[in-house]
């Protein structure tokens, strides 16, 4: 049972990371991992890993792809990021 709970927490964390680091919704994640929205919601809610969940590898691959993309993206120095709160000031 501990292994099952650990897997559930890992998959839930992966889904949470995808939601926070991309513009993906649970529906997008389900589609991209070749799963059903019901299965992804069940995992994300922390209830359980559905019986017969066959999309584990696809979910892991999606997570890995996003990690690779984000780790290889060029870093933008803070001084190049526009500060939106001062847009209304006229000089």
PDB file of N, CA and C in Angstrom:
ATOM      1  N   UNK A   1       0.825  -1.200   0.000  1.00  0.00           N
ATOM      2  CA  UNK A   1       0.000   0.000   0.000  1.00  0.00           C
ATOM      3  C   UNK A   1       0.865   1.258   0.000  1.00  0.00           C
ATOM      4  N   UNK A   2       2.027   1.212   0.653  1.00  0.00           N
ATOM      5  CA  UNK A   2       2.910   2.380   0.693  1.00  0.00           C
ATOM      6  C   UNK A   2       3.418   2.721  -0.701  1.00  0.00           C
ATOM      7  N   UNK A   3       3.757   1.693  -1.482  1.00  0.00           N
ATOM      8  CA  UNK A   3       4.219   1.926  -2.852  1.00  0.00           C
ATOM      9  C   UNK A   3       3.128   2.586  -3.680  1.00  0.00           C
ATOM     10  N   UNK A   4       1.907   2.123  -3.513  1.00  0.00           N
ATOM     11  CA  UNK A   4       0.774   2.707  -4.247  1.00  0.00           C
ATOM     12  C   UNK A   4       0.588   4.175  -3.862  1.00  0.00           C
ATOM     13  N   UNK A   5       0.656   4.482  -2.566  1.00  0.00           N
ATOM     14  CA  UNK A   5       0.514   5.866  -2.102  1.00  0.00           C
ATOM     15  C   UNK A   5       1.644   6.739  -2.623  1.00  0.00           C
ATOM     16  N   UNK A   6       2.855   6.185  -2.672  1.00  0.00           N
ATOM     17  CA  UNK A   6       4.001   6.943  -3.193  1.00  0.00           C
ATOM     18  C   UNK A   6       3.819   7.252  -4.665  1.00  0.00           C
ATOM     19  N   UNK A   7       3.380   6.250  -5.428  1.00  0.00           N
ATOM     20  CA  UNK A   7       3.144   6.468  -6.861  1.00  0.00           C
ATOM     21  C   UNK A   7       2.067   7.523  -7.066  1.00  0.00           C
ATOM     22  N   UNK A   8       1.004   7.452  -6.276  1.00  0.00           N
ATOM     23  CA  UNK A   8      -0.077   8.429  -6.384  1.00  0.00           C
ATOM     24  C   UNK A   8       0.448   9.834  -6.126  1.00  0.00           C
ATOM     25  N   UNK A   9       1.255   9.994  -5.090  1.00  0.00           N
ATOM     26  CA  UNK A   9       1.819  11.312  -4.772  1.00  0.00           C
ATOM     27  C   UNK A   9       2.758  11.804  -5.861  1.00  0.00           C
ATOM     28  N   UNK A  10       3.527  10.902  -6.448  1.00  0.00           N
ATOM     29  CA  UNK A  10       4.440  11.287  -7.530  1.00  0.00           C
ATOM     30  C   UNK A  10       3.645  11.735  -8.754  1.00  0.00           C
ATOM     31  N   UNK A  11       2.655  10.954  -9.148  1.00  0.00           N
ATOM     32  CA  UNK A  11       1.846  11.319 -10.315  1.00  0.00           C
ATOM     33  C   UNK A  11       1.067  12.609 -10.073  1.00  0.00           C
ATOM     34  N   UNK A  12       0.552  12.767  -8.876  1.00  0.00           N
ATOM     35  CA  UNK A  12      -0.164  14.007  -8.536  1.00  0.00           C
ATOM     36  C   UNK A  12       0.786  15.206  -8.623  1.00  0.00           C
ATOM     37  N   UNK A  13       2.016  15.043  -8.116  1.00  0.00           N
ATOM     38  CA  UNK A  13       3.008  16.110  -8.199  1.00  0.00           C
ATOM     39  C   UNK A  13       3.393  16.431  -9.630  1.00  0.00           C
ATOM     40  N   UNK A  14       3.482  15.401 -10.470  1.00  0.00           N
ATOM     41  CA  UNK A  14       3.805  15.623 -11.874  1.00  0.00           C
ATOM     42  C   UNK A  14       2.692  16.423 -12.550  1.00  0.00           C
ATOM     43  N   UNK A  15       1.462  16.063 -12.279  1.00  0.00           N
ATOM     44  CA  UNK A  15       0.330  16.794 -12.863  1.00  0.00           C
ATOM     45  C   UNK A  15       0.320  18.229 -12.362  1.00  0.00           C
ATOM     46  N   UNK A  16       0.567  18.419 -11.065  1.00  0.00           N
ATOM     47  CA  UNK A  16       0.613  19.763 -10.496  1.00  0.00           C
ATOM     48  C   UNK A  16       1.701  20.601 -11.168  1.00  0.00           C
ATOM     49  N   UNK A  17       2.866  20.002 -11.376  1.00  0.00           N
ATOM     50  CA  UNK A  17       3.960  20.710 -12.039  1.00  0.00           C
ATOM     51  C   UNK A  17       3.563  21.112 -13.462  1.00  0.00           C
ATOM     52  N   UNK A  18       2.932  20.208 -14.189  1.00  0.00           N
ATOM     53  CA  UNK A  18       2.499  20.517 -15.556  1.00  0.00           C
ATOM     54  C   UNK A  18       1.490  21.657 -15.564  1.00  0.00           C
ATOM     55  N   UNK A  19       0.590  21.653 -14.602  1.00  0.00           N
ATOM     56  CA  UNK A  19      -0.405  22.730 -14.525  1.00  0.00           C
ATOM     57  C   UNK A  19       0.254  24.080 -14.214  1.00  0.00           C
ATOM     58  N   UNK A  20       1.234  24.082 -13.312  1.00  0.00           N
ATOM     59  CA  UNK A  20       1.874  25.326 -12.883  1.00  0.00           C
ATOM     60  C   UNK A  20       2.898  25.851 -13.882  1.00  0.00           C
ATOM     61  N   UNK A  21       3.538  24.972 -14.623  1.00  0.00           N
ATOM     62  CA  UNK A  21       4.635  25.416 -15.475  1.00  0.00           C
ATOM     63  C   UNK A  21       4.257  25.554 -16.948  1.00  0.00           C
ATOM     64  N   UNK A  22       3.025  25.206 -17.284  1.00  0.00           N
ATOM     65  CA  UNK A  22       2.559  25.329 -18.662  1.00  0.00           C
ATOM     66  C   UNK A  22       1.177  25.981 -18.646  1.00  0.00           C
ATOM     67  N   UNK A  23       0.626  26.168 -19.806  1.00  0.00           N
ATOM     68  CA  UNK A  23      -0.753  26.649 -19.902  1.00  0.00           C
ATOM     69  C   UNK A  23      -1.731  25.484 -20.038  1.00  0.00           C
ATOM     70  N   UNK A  24      -1.272  24.288 -19.753  1.00  0.00           N
ATOM     71  CA  UNK A  24      -2.104  23.102 -19.896  1.00  0.00           C
ATOM     72  C   UNK A  24      -3.189  23.050 -18.833  1.00  0.00           C
ATOM     73  N   UNK A  25      -4.305  22.503 -19.219  1.00  0.00           N
ATOM     74  CA  UNK A  25      -5.387  22.184 -18.287  1.00  0.00           C
ATOM     75  C   UNK A  25      -5.342  20.673 -18.050  1.00  0.00           C
ATOM     76  N   UNK A  26      -6.179  20.207 -17.138  1.00  0.00           N
ATOM     77  CA  UNK A  26      -6.253  18.762 -16.926  1.00  0.00           C
ATOM     78  C   UNK A  26      -6.673  18.045 -18.211  1.00  0.00           C
ATOM     79  N   UNK A  27      -7.523  18.703 -18.985  1.00  0.00           N
ATOM     80  CA  UNK A  27      -7.965  18.120 -20.256  1.00  0.00           C
ATOM     81  C   UNK A  27      -6.795  17.975 -21.224  1.00  0.00           C
ATOM     82  N   UNK A  28      -5.939  19.004 -21.305  1.00  0.00           N
ATOM     83  CA  UNK A  28      -4.752  18.920 -22.171  1.00  0.00           C
ATOM     84  C   UNK A  28      -3.831  17.789 -21.715  1.00  0.00           C
ATOM     85  N   UNK A  29      -3.608  17.708 -20.419  1.00  0.00           N
ATOM     86  CA  UNK A  29      -2.718  16.682 -19.876  1.00  0.00           C
ATOM     87  C   UNK A  29      -3.269  15.294 -20.188  1.00  0.00           C
ATOM     88  N   UNK A  30      -4.568  15.129 -20.040  1.00  0.00           N
ATOM     89  CA  UNK A  30      -5.194  13.844 -20.352  1.00  0.00           C
ATOM     90  C   UNK A  30      -4.984  13.498 -21.826  1.00  0.00           C
ATOM     91  N   UNK A  31      -5.231  14.454 -22.689  1.00  0.00           N
ATOM     92  CA  UNK A  31      -5.078  14.215 -24.127  1.00  0.00           C
ATOM     93  C   UNK A  31      -3.625  13.884 -24.478  1.00  0.00           C
ATOM     94  N   UNK A  32      -2.695  14.674 -23.976  1.00  0.00           N
ATOM     95  CA  UNK A  32      -1.284  14.480 -24.315  1.00  0.00           C
ATOM     96  C   UNK A  32      -0.694  13.208 -23.714  1.00  0.00           C
ATOM     97  N   UNK A  33      -1.285  12.717 -22.633  1.00  0.00           N
ATOM     98  CA  UNK A  33      -0.798  11.480 -22.030  1.00  0.00           C
ATOM     99  C   UNK A  33      -1.653  10.275 -22.429  1.00  0.00           C
ATOM    100  N   UNK A  34      -2.508  10.495 -23.405  1.00  0.00           N
ATOM    101  CA  UNK A  34      -3.367   9.431 -23.926  1.00  0.00           C
ATOM    102  C   UNK A  34      -4.174   8.764 -22.816  1.00  0.00           C
ATOM    103  N   UNK A  35      -4.741   9.587 -21.956  1.00  0.00           N
ATOM    104  CA  UNK A  35      -5.551   9.113 -20.843  1.00  0.00           C
ATOM    105  C   UNK A  35      -6.927   9.750 -20.935  1.00  0.00           C
ATOM    106  N   UNK A  36      -7.782   9.386 -20.009  1.00  0.00           N
ATOM    107  CA  UNK A  36      -9.081  10.037 -19.938  1.00  0.00           C
ATOM    108  C   UNK A  36      -9.016  11.159 -18.913  1.00  0.00           C
ATOM    109  N   UNK A  37      -9.845  12.159 -19.087  1.00  0.00           N
ATOM    110  CA  UNK A  37      -9.896  13.259 -18.129  1.00  0.00           C
ATOM    111  C   UNK A  37     -10.312  12.728 -16.755  1.00  0.00           C
ATOM    112  N   UNK A  38     -11.164  11.723 -16.736  1.00  0.00           N
ATOM    113  CA  UNK A  38     -11.604  11.128 -15.469  1.00  0.00           C
ATOM    114  C   UNK A  38     -10.421  10.529 -14.708  1.00  0.00           C
ATOM    115  N   UNK A  39      -9.549   9.802 -15.400  1.00  0.00           N
ATOM    116  CA  UNK A  39      -8.374   9.219 -14.750  1.00  0.00           C
ATOM    117  C   UNK A  39      -7.433  10.294 -14.215  1.00  0.00           C
ATOM    118  N   UNK A  40      -7.182  11.328 -15.014  1.00  0.00           N
ATOM    119  CA  UNK A  40      -6.276  12.395 -14.588  1.00  0.00           C
ATOM    120  C   UNK A  40      -6.866  13.140 -13.401  1.00  0.00           C
ATOM    121  N   UNK A  41      -8.162  13.416 -13.424  1.00  0.00           N
ATOM    122  CA  UNK A  41      -8.814  14.085 -12.287  1.00  0.00           C
ATOM    123  C   UNK A  41      -8.744  13.232 -11.025  1.00  0.00           C
ATOM    124  N   UNK A  42      -8.953  11.935 -11.173  1.00  0.00           N
ATOM    125  CA  UNK A  42      -8.900  11.036 -10.017  1.00  0.00           C
ATOM    126  C   UNK A  42      -7.518  11.049  -9.385  1.00  0.00           C
ATOM    127  N   UNK A  43      -6.489  10.994 -10.202  1.00  0.00           N
ATOM    128  CA  UNK A  43      -5.115  11.042  -9.689  1.00  0.00           C
ATOM    129  C   UNK A  43      -4.836  12.402  -9.068  1.00  0.00           C
ATOM    130  N   UNK A  44      -5.197  13.473  -9.767  1.00  0.00           N
ATOM    131  CA  UNK A  44      -4.903  14.831  -9.293  1.00  0.00           C
ATOM    132  C   UNK A  44      -5.624  15.151  -7.985  1.00  0.00           C
ATOM    133  N   UNK A  45      -6.793  14.589  -7.802  1.00  0.00           N
ATOM    134  CA  UNK A  45      -7.525  14.836  -6.550  1.00  0.00           C
ATOM    135  C   UNK A  45      -6.919  14.063  -5.392  1.00  0.00           C
ATOM    136  N   UNK A  46      -5.992  13.149  -5.684  1.00  0.00           N
ATOM    137  CA  UNK A  46      -5.321  12.400  -4.634  1.00  0.00           C
ATOM    138  C   UNK A  46      -6.110  11.209  -4.141  1.00  0.00           C
ATOM    139  N   UNK A  47      -7.149  10.840  -4.870  1.00  0.00           N
ATOM    140  CA  UNK A  47      -7.999   9.725  -4.436  1.00  0.00           C
ATOM    141  C   UNK A  47      -7.314   8.381  -4.647  1.00  0.00           C
ATOM    142  N   UNK A  48      -6.919   8.121  -5.889  1.00  0.00           N
ATOM    143  CA  UNK A  48      -6.316   6.830  -6.200  1.00  0.00           C
ATOM    144  C   UNK A  48      -5.777   6.842  -7.621  1.00  0.00           C
ATOM    145  N   UNK A  49      -4.974   5.827  -7.912  1.00  0.00           N
ATOM    146  CA  UNK A  49      -4.599   5.559  -9.295  1.00  0.00           C
ATOM    147  C   UNK A  49      -5.657   4.589  -9.804  1.00  0.00           C
ATOM    148  N   UNK A  50      -6.393   4.969 -10.829  1.00  0.00           N
ATOM    149  CA  UNK A  50      -7.480   4.111 -11.307  1.00  0.00           C
ATOM    150  C   UNK A  50      -6.978   2.735 -11.734  1.00  0.00           C
ATOM    151  N   UNK A  51      -7.791   1.716 -11.473  1.00  0.00           N
ATOM    152  CA  UNK A  51      -7.454   0.368 -11.930  1.00  0.00           C
ATOM    153  C   UNK A  51      -7.357   0.374 -13.440  1.00  0.00           C
ATOM    154  N   UNK A  52      -6.364  -0.296 -13.958  1.00  0.00           N
ATOM    155  CA  UNK A  52      -6.204  -0.356 -15.405  1.00  0.00           C
ATOM    156  C   UNK A  52      -5.666   0.932 -16.014  1.00  0.00           C
ATOM    157  N   UNK A  53      -5.055   1.790 -15.194  1.00  0.00           N
ATOM    158  CA  UNK A  53      -4.478   3.035 -15.720  1.00  0.00           C
ATOM    159  C   UNK A  53      -3.273   2.670 -16.577  1.00  0.00           C
ATOM    160  N   UNK A  54      -3.450   2.759 -17.878  1.00  0.00           N
ATOM    161  CA  UNK A  54      -2.413   2.319 -18.821  1.00  0.00           C
ATOM    162  C   UNK A  54      -1.571   3.466 -19.368  1.00  0.00           C
ATOM    163  N   UNK A  55      -1.806   4.656 -18.875  1.00  0.00           N
ATOM    164  CA  UNK A  55      -1.124   5.829 -19.429  1.00  0.00           C
ATOM    165  C   UNK A  55       0.034   6.306 -18.560  1.00  0.00           C
ATOM    166  N   UNK A  56       0.510   5.446 -17.676  1.00  0.00           N
ATOM    167  CA  UNK A  56       1.594   5.849 -16.777  1.00  0.00           C
ATOM    168  C   UNK A  56       2.830   6.301 -17.551  1.00  0.00           C
ATOM    169  N   UNK A  57       3.254   5.500 -18.516  1.00  0.00           N
ATOM    170  CA  UNK A  57       4.451   5.858 -19.284  1.00  0.00           C
ATOM    171  C   UNK A  57       4.262   7.151 -20.064  1.00  0.00           C
ATOM    172  N   UNK A  58       3.084   7.345 -20.639  1.00  0.00           N
ATOM    173  CA  UNK A  58       2.836   8.563 -21.403  1.00  0.00           C
ATOM    174  C   UNK A  58       2.844   9.790 -20.496  1.00  0.00           C
ATOM    175  N   UNK A  59       2.296   9.662 -19.288  1.00  0.00           N
ATOM    176  CA  UNK A  59       2.319  10.771 -18.336  1.00  0.00           C
ATOM    177  C   UNK A  59       3.746  11.099 -17.920  1.00  0.00           C
ATOM    178  N   UNK A  60       4.530  10.077 -17.660  1.00  0.00           N
ATOM    179  CA  UNK A  60       5.942  10.282 -17.292  1.00  0.00           C
ATOM    180  C   UNK A  60       6.708  10.917 -18.441  1.00  0.00           C
ATOM    181  N   UNK A  61       6.465  10.471 -19.662  1.00  0.00           N
ATOM    182  CA  UNK A  61       7.152  11.048 -20.827  1.00  0.00           C
ATOM    183  C   UNK A  61       6.765  12.520 -21.038  1.00  0.00           C
ATOM    184  N   UNK A  62       5.485  12.818 -20.881  1.00  0.00           N
ATOM    185  CA  UNK A  62       5.047  14.211 -21.008  1.00  0.00           C
ATOM    186  C   UNK A  62       5.757  15.081 -19.984  1.00  0.00           C
ATOM    187  N   UNK A  63       5.794  14.627 -18.759  1.00  0.00           N
ATOM    188  CA  UNK A  63       6.489  15.354 -17.676  1.00  0.00           C
ATOM    189  C   UNK A  63       7.962  15.544 -18.028  1.00  0.00           C
ATOM    190  N   UNK A  64       8.596  14.495 -18.486  1.00  0.00           N
ATOM    191  CA  UNK A  64      10.019  14.550 -18.846  1.00  0.00           C
ATOM    192  C   UNK A  64      10.265  15.530 -19.996  1.00  0.00           C
ATOM    193  N   UNK A  65       9.402  15.522 -20.995  1.00  0.00           N
ATOM    194  CA  UNK A  65       9.550  16.443 -22.129  1.00  0.00           C
ATOM    195  C   UNK A  65       9.464  17.889 -21.660  1.00  0.00           C
ATOM    196  N   UNK A  66       8.485  18.184 -20.817  1.00  0.00           N
ATOM    197  CA  UNK A  66       8.336  19.558 -20.308  1.00  0.00           C
ATOM    198  C   UNK A  66       9.547  19.954 -19.481  1.00  0.00           C
ATOM    199  N   UNK A  67      10.056  19.054 -18.652  1.00  0.00           N
ATOM    200  CA  UNK A  67      11.269  19.353 -17.877  1.00  0.00           C
ATOM    201  C   UNK A  67      12.448  19.660 -18.798  1.00  0.00           C
ATOM    202  N   UNK A  68      12.623  18.861 -19.842  1.00  0.00           N
ATOM    203  CA  UNK A  68      13.728  19.064 -20.776  1.00  0.00           C
ATOM    204  C   UNK A  68      13.598  20.387 -21.518  1.00  0.00           C
ATOM    205  N   UNK A  69      12.399  20.704 -21.950  1.00  0.00           N
ATOM    206  CA  UNK A  69      12.178  21.963 -22.657  1.00  0.00           C
ATOM    207  C   UNK A  69      12.500  23.141 -21.748  1.00  0.00           C
ATOM    208  N   UNK A  70      12.031  23.077 -20.524  1.00  0.00           N
ATOM    209  CA  UNK A  70      12.241  24.195 -19.608  1.00  0.00           C
ATOM    210  C   UNK A  70      13.688  24.311 -19.147  1.00  0.00           C
ATOM    211  N   UNK A  71      14.378  23.201 -19.046  1.00  0.00           N
ATOM    212  CA  UNK A  71      15.775  23.276 -18.611  1.00  0.00           C
ATOM    213  C   UNK A  71      16.689  23.739 -19.738  1.00  0.00           C
ATOM    214  N   UNK A  72      16.261  23.570 -20.982  1.00  0.00           N
ATOM    215  CA  UNK A  72      17.091  24.007 -22.107  1.00  0.00           C
ATOM    216  C   UNK A  72      16.713  25.395 -22.612  1.00  0.00           C
ATOM    217  N   UNK A  73      15.641  25.958 -22.086  1.00  0.00           N
ATOM    218  CA  UNK A  73      15.230  27.300 -22.517  1.00  0.00           C
ATOM    219  C   UNK A  73      16.242  28.325 -22.012  1.00  0.00           C
ATOM    220  N   UNK A  74      16.569  29.302 -22.858  1.00  0.00           N
ATOM    221  CA  UNK A  74      17.524  30.324 -22.419  1.00  0.00           C
ATOM    222  C   UNK A  74      16.942  31.146 -21.277  1.00  0.00           C
ATOM    223  N   UNK A  75      17.786  31.459 -20.349  1.00  0.00           N
ATOM    224  CA  UNK A  75      17.364  32.263 -19.202  1.00  0.00           C
ATOM    225  C   UNK A  75      17.445  33.749 -19.570  1.00  0.00           C
ATOM    226  N   UNK A  76      16.396  34.488 -19.240  1.00  0.00           N
ATOM    227  CA  UNK A  76      16.337  35.923 -19.533  1.00  0.00           C
ATOM    228  C   UNK A  76      16.700  36.678 -18.260  1.00  0.00           C
ATOM    229  N   UNK A  77      17.742  37.497 -18.314  1.00  0.00           N
ATOM    230  CA  UNK A  77      18.096  38.276 -17.134  1.00  0.00           C
ATOM    231  C   UNK A  77      16.941  39.171 -16.693  1.00  0.00           C
ATOM    232  N   UNK A  78      16.832  39.385 -15.402  1.00  0.00           N
ATOM    233  CA  UNK A  78      15.739  40.179 -14.845  1.00  0.00           C
ATOM    234  C   UNK A  78      15.675  41.593 -15.421  1.00  0.00           C
ATOM    235  N   UNK A  79      16.806  42.181 -15.785  1.00  0.00           N
ATOM    236  CA  UNK A  79      16.775  43.547 -16.275  1.00  0.00           C
ATOM    237  C   UNK A  79      16.176  43.656 -17.676  1.00  0.00           C
ATOM    238  N   UNK A  80      15.933  42.536 -18.345  1.00  0.00           N
ATOM    239  CA  UNK A  80      15.251  42.562 -19.627  1.00  0.00           C
ATOM    240  C   UNK A  80      13.743  42.359 -19.503  1.00  0.00           C
ATOM    241  N   UNK A  81      13.285  42.018 -18.327  1.00  0.00           N
ATOM    242  CA  UNK A  81      11.862  41.777 -18.120  1.00  0.00           C
ATOM    243  C   UNK A  81      11.175  43.104 -17.839  1.00  0.00           C
ATOM    244  N   UNK A  82      10.146  43.373 -18.612  1.00  0.00           N
ATOM    245  CA  UNK A  82       9.410  44.632 -18.511  1.00  0.00           C
ATOM    246  C   UNK A  82       8.634  44.687 -17.198  1.00  0.00           C
ATOM    247  N   UNK A  83       8.712  45.794 -16.514  1.00  0.00           N
ATOM    248  CA  UNK A  83       7.970  45.993 -15.274  1.00  0.00           C
ATOM    249  C   UNK A  83       6.633  46.631 -15.612  1.00  0.00           C
ATOM    250  N   UNK A  84       5.574  45.862 -15.552  1.00  0.00           N
ATOM    251  CA  UNK A  84       4.255  46.298 -15.992  1.00  0.00           C
ATOM    252  C   UNK A  84       3.645  47.378 -15.102  1.00  0.00           C
ATOM    253  N   UNK A  85       4.028  47.465 -13.857  1.00  0.00           N
ATOM    254  CA  UNK A  85       3.362  48.388 -12.948  1.00  0.00           C
ATOM    255  C   UNK A  85       3.669  49.854 -13.254  1.00  0.00           C
ATOM    256  N   UNK A  86       4.673  50.128 -14.076  1.00  0.00           N
ATOM    257  CA  UNK A  86       5.007  51.513 -14.388  1.00  0.00           C
ATOM    258  C   UNK A  86       4.607  51.920 -15.807  1.00  0.00           C
ATOM    259  N   UNK A  87       3.822  51.086 -16.484  1.00  0.00           N
ATOM    260  CA  UNK A  87       3.415  51.402 -17.854  1.00  0.00           C
ATOM    261  C   UNK A  87       2.570  52.662 -17.965  1.00  0.00           C
ATOM    262  N   UNK A  88       1.846  52.997 -16.942  1.00  0.00           N
ATOM    263  CA  UNK A  88       0.940  54.128 -17.007  1.00  0.00           C
ATOM    264  C   UNK A  88       1.643  55.488 -16.835  1.00  0.00           C
ATOM    265  N   UNK A  89       2.879  55.471 -16.435  1.00  0.00           N
ATOM    266  CA  UNK A  89       3.616  56.738 -16.206  1.00  0.00           C
ATOM    267  C   UNK A  89       4.051  57.317 -17.542  1.00  0.00           C
ATOM    268  N   UNK A  90       3.802  58.602 -17.732  1.00  0.00           N
ATOM    269  CA  UNK A  90       4.269  59.295 -18.946  1.00  0.00           C
ATOM    270  C   UNK A  90       5.469  60.160 -18.574  1.00  0.00           C
ATOM    271  N   UNK A  91       6.422  60.180 -19.448  1.00  0.00           N
ATOM    272  CA  UNK A  91       7.622  60.973 -19.212  1.00  0.00           C
ATOM    273  C   UNK A  91       7.577  62.252 -19.974  1.00  0.00           C
TER     274      UNK A  91
END
